[in-house]
């Protein structure tokens, strides 16, 4: 099997007035670089080329519901329709293993969120204060109103 990678175009919808945030995402093809007009607001973002011996997954549609519980806890629900690009294995087998992988993926994600300081993710957050500051402020407003 080749390694897999994934490039997503995702959007978040602030519905904190209703106590939630909604995320929708889909795959972005490498050829989207040639038609950046289809990605308003992200024309300057270059989609990375697929490396040798790597297959790019296709997410037809994905979405998530985030419900902030506290400043340290968020309930998450995600669903997605993914094509893993494995033509010679039955979809029944793929679906079985996808459930197992999703479970362990969320365990890894949860572990990662507990140790974000001094990580590449913290550096990304620090590098985009114009985005993450807005999120931080909105959550602070939400929790202040909730008290």
Protein backbone atom coordinates (compact mmCIF):
# COMPACT_ATOMS: atom_id res chain seq x y z
CA UNK A 1 0.00 0.00 0.00
CA UNK A 2 1.10 3.53 -0.68
CA UNK A 3 0.98 6.13 2.05
CA UNK A 4 -2.08 8.36 1.97
CA UNK A 5 -2.44 12.11 2.25
CA UNK A 6 -5.33 14.51 2.23
CA UNK A 7 -5.89 18.15 1.33
CA UNK A 8 -9.19 19.69 2.41
CA UNK A 9 -11.01 22.94 1.79
CA UNK A 10 -12.90 23.48 5.02
CA UNK A 11 -15.25 26.18 6.24
CA UNK A 12 -16.49 26.88 9.73
CA UNK A 13 -19.85 28.39 10.59
CA UNK A 14 -20.17 30.27 13.87
CA UNK A 15 -23.47 29.24 15.43
CA UNK A 16 -22.45 29.93 19.00
CA UNK A 17 -25.75 31.74 19.56
CA UNK A 18 -27.16 28.20 19.35
CA UNK A 19 -24.21 26.72 21.26
CA UNK A 20 -22.40 25.09 18.35
CA UNK A 21 -19.93 25.47 15.53
CA UNK A 22 -20.43 23.63 12.24
CA UNK A 23 -17.58 22.63 9.92
CA UNK A 24 -17.91 21.45 6.33
CA UNK A 25 -15.05 20.22 4.15
CA UNK A 26 -14.26 18.53 0.88
CA UNK A 27 -11.14 17.50 -1.01
CA UNK A 28 -9.17 19.93 -3.08
CA UNK A 29 -7.53 18.55 -6.18
CA UNK A 30 -3.95 19.39 -7.08
CA UNK A 31 -5.19 20.92 -10.35
CA UNK A 32 -7.06 23.54 -8.28
CA UNK A 33 -3.82 25.56 -8.44
CA UNK A 34 -4.57 26.29 -12.08
CA UNK A 35 -8.10 27.49 -11.30
CA UNK A 36 -7.64 29.48 -8.09
CA UNK A 37 -10.75 31.55 -8.89
CA UNK A 38 -12.79 28.58 -7.67
CA UNK A 39 -11.27 29.12 -4.22
CA UNK A 40 -12.25 32.68 -3.29
CA UNK A 41 -10.19 34.00 -0.42
CA UNK A 42 -7.59 31.28 -0.89
CA UNK A 43 -6.22 32.14 -4.33
CA UNK A 44 -2.71 32.54 -2.91
CA UNK A 45 -2.71 29.09 -1.24
CA UNK A 46 -0.80 26.52 -3.25
CA UNK A 47 -2.11 22.96 -3.12
CA UNK A 48 0.87 20.66 -2.50
CA UNK A 49 1.75 18.18 -5.22
CA UNK A 50 1.19 14.51 -4.50
CA UNK A 51 4.54 12.99 -3.58
CA UNK A 52 5.94 9.84 -5.17
CA UNK A 53 4.47 6.64 -3.72
CA UNK A 54 1.64 8.56 -2.06
CA UNK A 55 -2.05 8.38 -2.94
CA UNK A 56 -4.32 11.31 -2.18
CA UNK A 57 -7.62 10.43 -0.51
CA UNK A 58 -10.81 12.02 -1.79
CA UNK A 59 -13.34 13.41 0.65
CA UNK A 60 -16.55 13.92 -1.26
CA UNK A 61 -18.12 15.68 1.71
CA UNK A 62 -17.27 15.90 5.38
CA UNK A 63 -18.75 17.77 8.26
CA UNK A 64 -18.56 18.24 11.95
CA UNK A 65 -20.52 19.61 14.84
CA UNK A 66 -18.55 21.12 17.72
CA UNK A 67 -20.33 21.91 20.97
CA UNK A 68 -18.16 23.79 23.49
CA UNK A 69 -18.66 22.34 26.98
CA UNK A 70 -15.99 24.36 28.81
CA UNK A 71 -12.78 26.18 27.92
CA UNK A 72 -11.03 22.79 28.14
CA UNK A 73 -13.68 20.45 26.68
CA UNK A 74 -15.62 20.23 23.42
CA UNK A 75 -18.06 17.56 22.27
CA UNK A 76 -17.38 16.62 18.64
CA UNK A 77 -19.37 14.72 16.04
CA UNK A 78 -17.92 14.15 12.59
CA UNK A 79 -19.10 12.38 9.47
CA UNK A 80 -17.49 12.10 6.07
CA UNK A 81 -17.72 10.28 2.78
CA UNK A 82 -14.16 9.27 1.92
CA UNK A 83 -12.81 7.37 -1.05
CA UNK A 84 -9.53 5.82 0.15
CA UNK A 85 -8.53 5.09 -3.46
CA UNK A 86 -8.23 1.33 -2.98
CA UNK A 87 -9.90 -0.23 -5.99
CA UNK A 88 -9.08 -3.89 -5.35
CA UNK A 89 -10.54 -4.28 -1.83
CA UNK A 90 -14.25 -4.78 -1.16
CA UNK A 91 -16.10 -1.74 0.25
CA UNK A 92 -17.39 -3.98 3.07
CA UNK A 93 -13.82 -4.62 4.23
CA UNK A 94 -12.87 -0.96 3.76
CA UNK A 95 -15.87 0.16 5.84
CA UNK A 96 -15.02 -2.29 8.64
CA UNK A 97 -11.47 -1.02 8.91
CA UNK A 98 -12.53 2.62 8.46
CA UNK A 99 -14.60 2.35 11.64
CA UNK A 100 -11.62 0.93 13.53
CA UNK A 101 -9.26 3.55 12.13
CA UNK A 102 -11.70 6.36 12.97
CA UNK A 103 -11.92 5.19 16.58
CA UNK A 104 -8.15 5.07 17.02
CA UNK A 105 -7.78 8.30 15.06
CA UNK A 106 -9.99 10.09 17.57
CA UNK A 107 -8.00 8.61 20.45
CA UNK A 108 -4.82 9.97 18.85
CA UNK A 109 -6.51 13.33 18.22
CA UNK A 110 -7.61 13.57 21.85
CA UNK A 111 -4.10 12.73 23.06
CA UNK A 112 -2.63 15.32 20.69
CA UNK A 113 -4.94 18.07 21.99
CA UNK A 114 -3.70 17.49 25.52
CA UNK A 115 -0.11 18.17 24.49
CA UNK A 116 -0.44 20.97 21.93
CA UNK A 117 2.05 23.33 23.59
CA UNK A 118 5.48 23.30 21.90
CA UNK A 119 4.02 21.38 18.95
CA UNK A 120 3.89 22.23 15.24
CA UNK A 121 0.16 22.87 15.75
CA UNK A 122 0.83 25.54 18.37
CA UNK A 123 3.26 27.17 15.94
CA UNK A 124 0.52 27.23 13.27
CA UNK A 125 -1.88 28.80 15.74
CA UNK A 126 0.71 31.39 16.77
CA UNK A 127 1.43 32.09 13.09
CA UNK A 128 -2.20 33.00 12.29
CA UNK A 129 -3.31 35.32 15.09
CA UNK A 130 -5.85 36.99 12.78
CA UNK A 131 -7.77 33.71 12.62
CA UNK A 132 -7.27 32.13 16.00
CA UNK A 133 -7.67 35.35 17.98
CA UNK A 134 -11.20 35.70 16.54
CA UNK A 135 -12.02 32.13 17.58
CA UNK A 136 -10.59 32.67 21.06
CA UNK A 137 -12.56 35.91 21.51
CA UNK A 138 -15.83 34.36 20.28
CA UNK A 139 -15.46 31.44 22.69
CA UNK A 140 -14.68 33.79 25.56
CA UNK A 141 -17.87 35.76 24.72
CA UNK A 142 -19.86 32.53 24.53
CA UNK A 143 -18.69 31.27 27.93
CA UNK A 144 -19.17 34.70 29.54
CA UNK A 145 -22.82 34.74 28.39
CA UNK A 146 -23.31 31.12 29.47
CA UNK A 147 -22.33 31.85 33.10
